[in-house]
C-alpha cells in the first residue's frame, strides 16, 4: 500500500518509467479497498476481475499519447455514467433488487478509459443524486474518513470518501446543485464543477437538469483535476452545445502566472446563518490570497441570493426526476411504484408529474435570465470566494430525519446551486480544518469557461497550504 499517498500524476509517472505496472497499482488499490471500505461503505459494486483483465492487458501495451493516466486505479460514481453490462443502481432499491445492468457505455466512461484509468468499482450515492448526504436505503450510509460519525456529503459521497481515504487518487463525480463541491468540502478534497457543456452526456442525453448538471472528478491535487479535465473535455458528434476548448491545456495552465486578481468575498447570506468555521475558512483564505498578491474585498453579485431561485430549481429538478424514473421503469420492464422509492424521492417525482410543460419552460427561461444577470459581476471581478456549505460536515442521520431533514438541507445549501443554474465553473478547495479535525472547503467561482483561472488560483493555494499532505483518521497506511 506504499502508493496511497501518491496522486494520479505520480502513479502514471511510475508506470511510464517502468517502476510499476498497471497490475501492481491495481492490486495495491484493491488491497486498500478490502481494508478500508468495510469502515466507509464508499464502494457499492466491485469490478475487480474485469479490472484485473484490463490492467494485465495494459501491462503488455504502450500507452497512447492521450492516455496520460495510464494504469491509474479509479472508481466511478454509480450515477449517470454507465459501462455496458455493469451494475447501475443510482442509489435505488428497485434497480438494486432487479440487478439492473447498463445497456450502453456513456461517452464519459469511454473518455476515462482512453485516459488509461482502470475502473474497479462503482461508488455509493444517494437515490438518483437527489440530496447532499450519501445515506441511501439501497446501500446504506457512506462514512466520512475524517470522522465516521459524519456525512461525506453528496451526491458524490462515495467517491469522495474513497479518494480522501487513499483507496484511489481520483474518482468520478457529478454536480447538479453542489454534488462535486459539497463532498469535496466535507472530505478535504479538490472538487471542480466544470462549465456547462464542458463534458459530454452522450450518447443518450444532451443535457441534464436543463443544463444545471455536469460531470467531473474529485481528487487530492489540482494537477490531477487538470489532467483529467484535459482528457474529458472534448465535444462528441451530436452534442447540443459544448464549451470552447482552452488556448492551452488545463494542465499547462496550472503553472501559468495569473497576475494580480481581483476577488470578491462573501461570508454571509440573506437566506440563513453561516457557521463561524465556514466564515473563518473564507476569511483565512482571503488573507492567504492577499499574501499571494491579489486584491481581495467584500463584494458579491446582486442576485446571488435571489429568493425565487429555489422555487424554479424545484420545478426543473422535480420534472427531470419524474422523467428519469419513467425511463428507468421502462428499462427494468415495469413502472416504479411507491415502494420502489424513498419517501423524499417519491414526493419529488409526484410533484414533477404535476408540473405542466409551461411550468417547466418558464423555469428554464428564469434560469437563463438569472445567468445573464449574474454574469455581469465578472466583468469587474476575476473570482468570487464563498463558503461551499453553511456548516462543517453534519452528522449522519441529520439530513435524513423525516421531520427536520428538509429544513436542514435548506440551511446548508446557500452557495452552490446558483452556479449550476448559471453554468459557471466553481471549485471547492480544502483550505481549512475545524478544531475537531473536520475539513471545511471554500468555493472559488470564475466567469463562464474560466476553469483555467480556477486551477491556477487553486494551485497557488495548494502550494501555500499543503492540504494534500493532510491525512484523515481512516487512511491507507
Protein backbone atom coordinates (compact mmCIF):
# COMPACT_ATOMS: atom_id res chain seq x y z
CA UNK A 1 0.00 0.00 0.00
CA UNK A 2 3.04 2.24 -0.42
CA UNK A 3 1.37 4.18 -3.24
CA UNK A 4 -1.60 5.52 -1.26
CA UNK A 5 -0.11 8.98 -0.77
CA UNK A 6 0.76 9.46 -4.45
CA UNK A 7 -1.57 11.36 -6.72
CA UNK A 8 -2.60 10.13 -10.15
CA UNK A 9 0.11 12.06 -11.98
CA UNK A 10 2.79 10.45 -9.81
CA UNK A 11 1.35 6.96 -10.31
CA UNK A 12 1.18 7.40 -14.07
CA UNK A 13 4.81 8.53 -13.98
CA UNK A 14 5.80 5.35 -12.14
CA UNK A 15 4.20 3.28 -14.90
CA UNK A 16 5.81 5.37 -17.63
CA UNK A 17 9.25 4.88 -16.03
CA UNK A 18 8.71 1.13 -15.71
CA UNK A 19 8.86 1.31 -11.90
CA UNK A 20 5.33 -0.10 -11.53
CA UNK A 21 2.81 -1.82 -13.76
CA UNK A 22 -0.93 -1.19 -14.06
CA UNK A 23 -1.47 -4.60 -12.45
CA UNK A 24 0.69 -3.71 -9.45
CA UNK A 25 -1.08 -0.38 -8.95
CA UNK A 26 -4.48 -2.06 -9.23
CA UNK A 27 -3.63 -4.78 -6.70
CA UNK A 28 -2.48 -2.11 -4.26
CA UNK A 29 -5.77 -0.26 -4.69
CA UNK A 30 -7.82 -3.45 -4.34
CA UNK A 31 -5.99 -4.24 -1.09
CA UNK A 32 -6.75 -0.76 0.22
CA UNK A 33 -10.41 -1.14 -0.72
CA UNK A 34 -10.57 -4.53 1.02
CA UNK A 35 -9.09 -2.98 4.16
CA UNK A 36 -10.93 0.34 4.31
CA UNK A 37 -14.26 0.00 2.55
CA UNK A 38 -15.89 -2.00 5.39
CA UNK A 39 -15.39 1.09 7.57
CA UNK A 40 -16.57 3.58 4.94
CA UNK A 41 -19.10 1.87 2.65
CA UNK A 42 -17.79 4.01 -0.18
CA UNK A 43 -17.77 1.32 -2.91
CA UNK A 44 -21.05 -0.49 -3.58
CA UNK A 45 -20.13 -2.56 -6.68
CA UNK A 46 -16.74 -4.25 -7.05
CA UNK A 47 -15.46 -4.92 -10.56
CA UNK A 48 -12.12 -6.42 -9.57
CA UNK A 49 -11.84 -9.22 -12.10
CA UNK A 50 -12.60 -7.19 -15.19
CA UNK A 51 -10.23 -4.51 -13.89
CA UNK A 52 -7.53 -7.14 -13.44
CA UNK A 53 -8.04 -8.32 -17.02
CA UNK A 54 -7.77 -4.73 -18.29
CA UNK A 55 -4.69 -3.98 -16.17
CA UNK A 56 -2.96 -7.19 -17.32
CA UNK A 57 -3.58 -6.28 -20.95
CA UNK A 58 -2.35 -2.73 -20.35
CA UNK A 59 0.81 -4.04 -18.69
CA UNK A 60 1.83 -5.53 -22.05
CA UNK A 61 0.97 -2.40 -24.04
CA UNK A 62 2.41 1.05 -24.52
CA UNK A 63 0.24 3.98 -23.56
CA UNK A 64 -1.14 6.13 -26.35
CA UNK A 65 -0.40 9.84 -26.35
CA UNK A 66 -3.83 10.68 -24.92
CA UNK A 67 -3.54 8.08 -22.12
CA UNK A 68 -1.89 10.43 -19.64
CA UNK A 69 -3.14 8.48 -16.60
CA UNK A 70 -2.19 5.04 -17.93
CA UNK A 71 -2.69 2.35 -15.29
CA UNK A 72 -4.02 4.61 -12.52
CA UNK A 73 -6.72 2.90 -10.37
CA UNK A 74 -10.08 4.63 -10.49
CA UNK A 75 -13.67 4.43 -9.27
CA UNK A 76 -16.91 5.53 -10.96
CA UNK A 77 -19.88 7.03 -9.18
CA UNK A 78 -22.99 4.87 -9.54
CA UNK A 79 -24.96 7.66 -11.17
CA UNK A 80 -25.33 8.85 -14.78
CA UNK A 81 -22.10 7.34 -16.12
CA UNK A 82 -22.56 3.74 -17.30
CA UNK A 83 -20.49 0.91 -18.72
CA UNK A 84 -22.41 -1.71 -20.66
CA UNK A 85 -23.12 -4.84 -18.67
CA UNK A 86 -22.07 -3.42 -15.31
CA UNK A 87 -24.46 -2.83 -12.38
CA UNK A 88 -26.25 0.51 -12.30
CA UNK A 89 -28.40 1.21 -9.24
CA UNK A 90 -28.25 5.01 -8.81
CA UNK A 91 -28.89 4.53 -5.10
CA UNK A 92 -32.29 2.93 -5.78
CA UNK A 93 -33.77 -0.22 -4.22
CA UNK A 94 -35.75 -1.27 -7.31
CA UNK A 95 -32.71 -1.13 -9.57
CA UNK A 96 -30.69 -2.99 -6.94
CA UNK A 97 -33.27 -5.73 -6.48
CA UNK A 98 -33.70 -6.20 -10.22
CA UNK A 99 -29.89 -6.43 -10.63
CA UNK A 100 -30.18 -3.84 -13.38
CA UNK A 101 -27.22 -3.69 -15.75
CA UNK A 102 -26.39 -0.80 -18.05
CA UNK A 103 -27.36 -1.35 -21.67
CA UNK A 104 -24.75 1.05 -23.08
CA UNK A 105 -21.48 2.80 -22.32
CA UNK A 106 -21.58 6.56 -21.91
CA UNK A 107 -19.07 8.77 -23.69
CA UNK A 108 -17.55 9.86 -20.39
CA UNK A 109 -16.80 6.26 -19.40
CA UNK A 110 -15.08 5.86 -22.77
CA UNK A 111 -13.02 9.01 -22.16
CA UNK A 112 -11.97 7.76 -18.73
CA UNK A 113 -10.81 4.53 -20.37
CA UNK A 114 -8.90 6.44 -23.06
CA UNK A 115 -7.09 8.35 -20.33
CA UNK A 116 -5.81 4.98 -19.14
CA UNK A 117 -7.76 4.91 -15.87
CA UNK A 118 -8.53 1.43 -14.55
CA UNK A 119 -12.01 1.35 -13.03
CA UNK A 120 -12.55 -1.38 -10.44
CA UNK A 121 -15.80 -0.32 -8.79
CA UNK A 122 -18.78 1.97 -8.52
CA UNK A 123 -19.31 4.28 -5.57
CA UNK A 124 -22.16 4.98 -3.20
CA UNK A 125 -24.64 7.76 -3.99
CA UNK A 126 -27.99 8.96 -2.60
CA UNK A 127 -31.05 7.87 -4.54
CA UNK A 128 -30.90 9.44 -8.02
CA UNK A 129 -28.46 12.02 -6.64
CA UNK A 130 -31.30 13.92 -5.05
CA UNK A 131 -29.68 15.10 -1.81
CA UNK A 132 -26.34 16.17 -0.34
CA UNK A 133 -25.70 13.31 2.05
CA UNK A 134 -24.87 9.78 0.93
CA UNK A 135 -27.22 7.64 3.02
CA UNK A 136 -29.39 5.65 0.58
CA UNK A 137 -31.72 2.91 1.78
CA UNK A 138 -30.43 0.73 -1.06
CA UNK A 139 -26.80 0.54 0.08
CA UNK A 140 -26.58 2.21 3.48
CA UNK A 141 -24.68 5.23 4.73
CA UNK A 142 -21.25 6.20 3.49
CA UNK A 143 -18.96 7.37 6.29
CA UNK A 144 -16.51 10.25 6.35
CA UNK A 145 -12.84 9.16 6.69
CA UNK A 146 -12.11 12.17 8.90
CA UNK A 147 -14.78 11.13 11.43
CA UNK A 148 -17.01 8.17 10.63
CA UNK A 149 -19.93 9.63 12.57
CA UNK A 150 -20.18 12.41 9.98
CA UNK A 151 -21.59 12.65 6.46
CA UNK A 152 -19.40 12.61 3.37
CA UNK A 153 -21.79 14.99 1.64
CA UNK A 154 -23.50 14.07 -1.58
CA UNK A 155 -24.32 13.12 -4.06
CA UNK A 156 -20.71 12.10 -4.86
CA UNK A 157 -20.10 11.00 -1.27
CA UNK A 158 -18.81 7.51 -2.03
CA UNK A 159 -16.24 8.80 -4.49
CA UNK A 160 -15.10 11.49 -2.05
CA UNK A 161 -14.70 9.03 0.81
CA UNK A 162 -12.64 6.65 -1.33
CA UNK A 163 -10.27 9.38 -2.52
CA UNK A 164 -9.96 11.00 0.92
CA UNK A 165 -9.04 7.65 2.49
CA UNK A 166 -6.37 6.95 -0.14
CA UNK A 167 -8.08 4.00 -1.83
CA UNK A 168 -7.69 5.75 -5.19
CA UNK A 169 -6.26 9.16 -6.11
CA UNK A 170 -9.12 10.09 -8.46
CA UNK A 171 -12.80 9.17 -8.67
CA UNK A 172 -15.69 10.20 -10.88
CA UNK A 173 -18.24 12.68 -9.52
CA UNK A 174 -21.05 14.84 -10.86
CA UNK A 175 -22.77 18.01 -9.73
CA UNK A 176 -26.34 19.26 -10.20
CA UNK A 177 -26.60 21.51 -7.15
CA UNK A 178 -23.27 21.10 -5.38
CA UNK A 179 -22.68 17.35 -5.60
CA UNK A 180 -18.99 17.58 -6.51
CA UNK A 181 -18.16 20.60 -4.37
CA UNK A 182 -20.00 19.58 -1.19
CA UNK A 183 -18.40 16.12 -0.82
CA UNK A 184 -15.04 17.66 -1.67
CA UNK A 185 -15.56 20.22 1.08
CA UNK A 186 -16.67 17.65 3.65
CA UNK A 187 -13.88 15.19 2.81
CA UNK A 188 -10.96 17.60 2.34
CA UNK A 189 -10.56 17.30 -1.44
CA UNK A 190 -10.34 19.30 -4.65
CA UNK A 191 -13.71 19.30 -6.39
CA UNK A 192 -14.14 21.21 -9.67
CA UNK A 193 -17.57 21.65 -11.23
CA UNK A 194 -16.74 22.39 -14.87
CA UNK A 195 -18.55 24.86 -17.09
CA UNK A 196 -21.81 23.87 -18.74
CA UNK A 197 -21.10 21.88 -21.89
CA UNK A 198 -17.53 21.02 -20.91
CA UNK A 199 -18.24 17.26 -20.60
CA UNK A 200 -20.50 15.28 -22.93
CA UNK A 201 -23.62 13.49 -21.66
CA UNK A 202 -23.78 11.30 -24.78
CA UNK A 203 -24.76 9.10 -26.34
CA UNK A 204 -28.30 9.16 -24.98
CA UNK A 205 -28.51 12.51 -23.17
CA UNK A 206 -27.88 16.00 -24.49
CA UNK A 207 -28.01 17.72 -21.11
CA UNK A 208 -29.19 17.03 -17.58
CA UNK A 209 -31.39 19.17 -15.31
CA UNK A 210 -31.76 21.84 -18.01
CA UNK A 211 -28.01 22.24 -18.16
CA UNK A 212 -27.54 22.54 -14.40
CA UNK A 213 -25.73 19.21 -14.03
CA UNK A 214 -22.21 18.35 -15.20
CA UNK A 215 -19.63 15.59 -14.61
CA UNK A 216 -16.12 15.78 -13.25
CA UNK A 217 -13.92 14.17 -10.60
CA UNK A 218 -12.75 14.55 -7.02
CA UNK A 219 -9.00 14.45 -6.34
CA UNK A 220 -6.41 15.38 -3.75
CA UNK A 221 -4.37 17.66 -6.03
CA UNK A 222 -5.02 20.41 -8.55
CA UNK A 223 -2.82 18.80 -11.18
CA UNK A 224 -4.85 15.56 -11.10
CA UNK A 225 -8.03 17.55 -11.64
CA UNK A 226 -6.43 19.45 -14.53
CA UNK A 227 -5.10 16.33 -16.22
CA UNK A 228 -8.46 14.57 -16.06
CA UNK A 229 -10.28 17.65 -17.36
CA UNK A 230 -7.98 17.74 -20.37
CA UNK A 231 -8.98 14.16 -21.11
CA UNK A 232 -12.74 14.53 -20.80
CA UNK A 233 -13.43 17.97 -22.24
CA UNK A 234 -13.74 17.21 -25.94
CA UNK A 235 -17.13 17.51 -27.67
CA UNK A 236 -18.75 14.49 -29.32
CA UNK A 237 -20.76 14.43 -32.55
CA UNK A 238 -24.38 15.33 -31.83
CA UNK A 239 -23.77 17.16 -28.57
CA UNK A 240 -26.32 20.02 -28.49
CA UNK A 241 -23.67 22.51 -27.31
CA UNK A 242 -20.18 22.47 -25.86
CA UNK A 243 -17.72 24.71 -24.06
CA UNK A 244 -14.89 26.08 -26.20
CA UNK A 245 -11.54 24.39 -25.75
CA UNK A 246 -8.91 26.46 -23.90
CA UNK A 247 -5.96 28.03 -25.73
CA UNK A 248 -3.57 25.79 -23.83
CA UNK A 249 -4.19 22.60 -21.92
CA UNK A 250 -5.68 22.86 -18.44
CA UNK A 251 -2.64 21.07 -17.06
CA UNK A 252 -0.21 23.50 -18.67
CA UNK A 253 -2.28 26.45 -17.48
CA UNK A 254 -1.81 25.41 -13.84
CA UNK A 255 1.76 26.71 -13.82
CA UNK A 256 0.96 29.91 -15.73
CA UNK A 257 1.12 33.05 -13.56
CA UNK A 258 -2.24 34.73 -13.10
CA UNK A 259 -1.05 38.22 -12.42
CA UNK A 260 -2.90 40.16 -9.76
CA UNK A 261 -6.52 39.04 -9.47
CA UNK A 262 -9.49 40.98 -8.17
CA UNK A 263 -11.51 38.71 -5.89
CA UNK A 264 -14.81 39.38 -4.12
CA UNK A 265 -15.61 37.60 -0.86
CA UNK A 266 -18.87 36.54 0.78
CA UNK A 267 -19.20 35.20 4.33
CA UNK A 268 -22.90 35.85 4.97
CA UNK A 269 -26.21 35.02 3.29
CA UNK A 270 -29.65 36.59 3.44
CA UNK A 271 -31.03 33.04 3.20
CA UNK A 272 -29.68 31.95 6.58
CA UNK A 273 -26.78 31.94 9.04
CA UNK A 274 -23.27 30.79 8.18
CA UNK A 275 -21.33 28.79 10.78
CA UNK A 276 -18.28 30.66 12.16
CA UNK A 277 -15.93 27.93 10.93
CA UNK A 278 -17.20 28.33 7.36
CA UNK A 279 -16.87 32.10 7.56
CA UNK A 280 -13.36 31.69 9.02
CA UNK A 281 -12.40 29.40 6.14
CA UNK A 282 -13.24 32.19 3.69
CA UNK A 283 -11.57 34.87 5.79
CA UNK A 284 -8.34 32.91 6.21
CA UNK A 285 -8.26 32.04 2.52
CA UNK A 286 -8.83 35.70 1.66
CA UNK A 287 -5.78 36.65 3.76
CA UNK A 288 -3.74 33.95 2.05
CA UNK A 289 -4.79 35.24 -1.36
CA UNK A 290 -3.82 38.77 -0.32
CA UNK A 291 -0.40 37.46 0.75
CA UNK A 292 -0.12 35.95 -2.73
CA UNK A 293 -0.54 39.43 -4.18
CA UNK A 294 -4.23 39.52 -5.09
CA UNK A 295 -6.76 42.25 -4.36
CA UNK A 296 -9.49 40.82 -2.12
CA UNK A 297 -12.52 42.73 -0.89
CA UNK A 298 -16.10 42.05 0.27
CA UNK A 299 -18.28 42.01 -2.86
CA UNK A 300 -20.93 39.80 -4.44
CA UNK A 301 -23.33 39.66 -7.40
CA UNK A 302 -26.59 41.44 -6.63
CA UNK A 303 -28.68 38.36 -7.40
CA UNK A 304 -26.54 35.84 -5.51
CA UNK A 305 -29.36 35.18 -3.03
CA UNK A 306 -32.38 35.69 -5.26
CA UNK A 307 -35.42 34.45 -3.32
CA UNK A 308 -37.04 32.94 -6.43
CA UNK A 309 -34.14 30.59 -7.11
CA UNK A 310 -35.22 27.50 -5.20
CA UNK A 311 -38.80 27.69 -6.50
CA UNK A 312 -37.56 27.45 -10.08
CA UNK A 313 -34.85 24.94 -9.23
CA UNK A 314 -37.51 22.70 -7.68
CA UNK A 315 -39.58 22.74 -10.87
CA UNK A 316 -36.63 21.75 -13.05
CA UNK A 317 -35.34 19.12 -10.63
CA UNK A 318 -38.76 17.54 -9.98
CA UNK A 319 -39.69 17.38 -13.66
CA UNK A 320 -36.36 15.83 -14.58
CA UNK A 321 -36.54 13.27 -11.78
CA UNK A 322 -40.04 12.24 -12.87
CA UNK A 323 -38.79 11.80 -16.44
CA UNK A 324 -35.75 9.79 -15.28
CA UNK A 325 -37.83 7.47 -13.12
CA UNK A 326 -40.17 6.76 -16.03
CA UNK A 327 -37.21 5.92 -18.27
CA UNK A 328 -35.67 3.63 -15.67
CA UNK A 329 -39.03 1.93 -15.20
CA UNK A 330 -39.03 1.14 -18.92
CA UNK A 331 -35.51 -0.24 -18.58
CA UNK A 332 -36.46 -2.74 -15.85
CA UNK A 333 -39.74 -3.64 -17.56
CA UNK A 334 -42.17 -2.14 -15.07
CA UNK A 335 -43.12 1.22 -13.67
CA UNK A 336 -41.78 2.45 -10.35
CA UNK A 337 -44.43 2.31 -7.64
CA UNK A 338 -44.49 3.96 -4.22
CA UNK A 339 -42.45 1.21 -2.58
CA UNK A 340 -39.67 1.48 -5.13
CA UNK A 341 -38.50 4.92 -3.98
CA UNK A 342 -37.57 6.62 -0.74
CA UNK A 343 -40.22 8.97 0.63
CA UNK A 344 -38.49 12.23 -0.33
CA UNK A 345 -37.74 10.96 -3.83
CA UNK A 346 -41.31 9.79 -4.25
CA UNK A 347 -42.64 13.20 -3.18
CA UNK A 348 -40.33 14.95 -5.64
CA UNK A 349 -41.34 12.66 -8.51
CA UNK A 350 -45.03 13.10 -7.75
CA UNK A 351 -44.52 16.84 -7.74
CA UNK A 352 -42.69 16.67 -11.04
CA UNK A 353 -45.61 14.86 -12.66
CA UNK A 354 -47.94 17.68 -11.68
CA UNK A 355 -45.98 20.44 -13.38
CA UNK A 356 -47.04 21.39 -16.90
CA UNK A 357 -44.75 21.90 -19.88
CA UNK A 358 -45.43 25.62 -19.49
CA UNK A 359 -44.31 25.50 -15.84
CA UNK A 360 -41.10 23.78 -16.85
CA UNK A 361 -40.27 26.13 -19.70
CA UNK A 362 -40.99 29.17 -17.54
CA UNK A 363 -38.41 27.94 -15.02
CA UNK A 364 -35.85 27.19 -17.72
CA UNK A 365 -36.36 30.71 -19.03
CA UNK A 366 -35.84 32.03 -15.49
CA UNK A 367 -32.56 30.05 -15.36
CA UNK A 368 -31.36 31.81 -18.49
CA UNK A 369 -32.36 35.27 -17.28
CA UNK A 370 -30.69 34.64 -13.91
CA UNK A 371 -27.46 33.54 -15.60
CA UNK A 372 -27.30 36.75 -17.61
CA UNK A 373 -27.82 38.90 -14.54
CA UNK A 374 -25.14 37.07 -12.59
CA UNK A 375 -22.58 37.10 -15.41
CA UNK A 376 -22.26 40.89 -15.35
CA UNK A 377 -20.47 40.82 -11.99
CA UNK A 378 -17.48 39.00 -13.53
CA UNK A 379 -16.92 41.93 -15.86
CA UNK A 380 -15.37 43.73 -12.90
CA UNK A 381 -14.06 40.85 -10.75
CA UNK A 382 -11.98 37.80 -11.65
CA UNK A 383 -13.17 35.42 -8.93
CA UNK A 384 -15.78 35.10 -6.22
CA UNK A 385 -14.77 33.47 -2.91
CA UNK A 386 -17.53 31.92 -0.76
CA UNK A 387 -18.13 29.05 1.64
CA UNK A 388 -19.18 25.78 -0.01
CA UNK A 389 -21.83 24.92 2.54
CA UNK A 390 -23.03 26.89 5.56
CA UNK A 391 -21.80 24.41 8.21
CA UNK A 392 -19.00 21.87 8.75
CA UNK A 393 -19.86 18.27 7.84
CA UNK A 394 -23.13 17.33 9.60
CA UNK A 395 -23.52 14.10 11.48
CA UNK A 396 -25.02 11.11 9.72
CA UNK A 397 -28.79 10.99 10.08
CA UNK A 398 -29.33 14.74 10.40
CA UNK A 399 -30.29 15.29 6.77
CA UNK A 400 -32.33 12.08 6.59
CA UNK A 401 -34.57 12.90 9.55
CA UNK A 402 -38.17 12.86 8.23
CA UNK A 403 -39.20 15.76 10.46
CA UNK A 404 -36.24 18.09 10.10
CA UNK A 405 -34.14 16.87 7.16
CA UNK A 406 -35.60 19.18 4.52
CA UNK A 407 -35.17 22.22 6.75
CA UNK A 408 -31.57 21.25 7.44
CA UNK A 409 -30.87 20.92 3.71
CA UNK A 410 -32.04 24.47 3.10
CA UNK A 411 -29.88 25.68 5.98
CA UNK A 412 -26.79 24.19 4.34
CA UNK A 413 -27.35 24.95 0.65
CA UNK A 414 -26.67 28.65 0.45
CA UNK A 415 -23.79 28.92 -2.03
CA UNK A 416 -23.66 26.15 -4.64
CA UNK A 417 -26.86 25.78 -6.71
CA UNK A 418 -26.55 29.30 -8.09
CA UNK A 419 -23.62 28.24 -10.26
CA UNK A 420 -25.33 25.14 -11.55
CA UNK A 421 -28.02 27.45 -12.88
CA UNK A 422 -25.53 29.92 -14.40
CA UNK A 423 -23.33 27.12 -15.75
CA UNK A 424 -20.16 28.78 -14.44
CA UNK A 425 -17.18 26.74 -13.25
CA UNK A 426 -16.72 26.56 -9.49
CA UNK A 427 -14.19 24.71 -7.36
CA UNK A 428 -14.09 23.53 -3.75
CA UNK A 429 -10.65 23.72 -2.15
CA UNK A 430 -9.73 22.21 1.27
CA UNK A 431 -8.08 25.22 2.86
CA UNK A 432 -9.47 24.93 6.42
CA UNK A 433 -9.86 22.40 9.23
CA UNK A 434 -12.02 22.83 12.34
CA UNK A 435 -10.70 22.37 15.87
CA UNK A 436 -12.38 18.95 15.81
CA UNK A 437 -10.35 17.98 12.75
CA UNK A 438 -13.14 18.18 10.18
CA UNK A 439 -12.35 19.64 6.76
CA UNK A 440 -14.16 22.75 5.53
CA UNK A 441 -13.74 23.78 1.92
CA UNK A 442 -14.01 27.17 0.29
CA UNK A 443 -15.51 27.86 -3.12
CA UNK A 444 -13.98 29.91 -5.91
CA UNK A 445 -16.20 30.82 -8.87
CA UNK A 446 -14.96 32.12 -12.23
CA UNK A 447 -16.67 33.56 -15.26
CA UNK A 448 -18.06 31.11 -17.81
CA UNK A 449 -15.34 28.84 -19.25
CA UNK A 450 -12.84 30.10 -16.66
CA UNK A 451 -11.64 26.71 -15.38
CA UNK A 452 -8.01 27.58 -16.13
CA UNK A 453 -8.13 30.56 -13.78
CA UNK A 454 -9.67 28.43 -11.02
CA UNK A 455 -6.94 25.82 -11.43
CA UNK A 456 -4.21 28.48 -11.40
CA UNK A 457 -5.54 30.09 -8.21
CA UNK A 458 -6.10 26.65 -6.71
CA UNK A 459 -2.50 25.66 -7.40
CA UNK A 460 -1.26 28.78 -5.63
CA UNK A 461 -3.37 27.90 -2.60
CA UNK A 462 -2.29 24.26 -2.66
CA UNK A 463 1.38 25.21 -2.61
CA UNK A 464 0.77 27.73 0.17
CA UNK A 465 -1.30 25.43 2.39
CA UNK A 466 -0.03 21.89 1.52
CA UNK A 467 -3.51 20.42 2.00
CA UNK A 468 -2.54 17.31 0.02
CA UNK A 469 -0.27 16.23 2.89
CA UNK A 470 -3.08 16.02 5.46
CA UNK A 471 -4.40 12.56 6.38
CA UNK A 472 -7.80 11.59 7.78
CA UNK A 473 -8.40 9.13 10.61
CA UNK A 474 -9.28 6.34 8.18
CA UNK A 475 -6.30 6.23 5.86
CA UNK A 476 -4.50 3.58 3.82
CA UNK A 477 -1.36 3.34 5.98
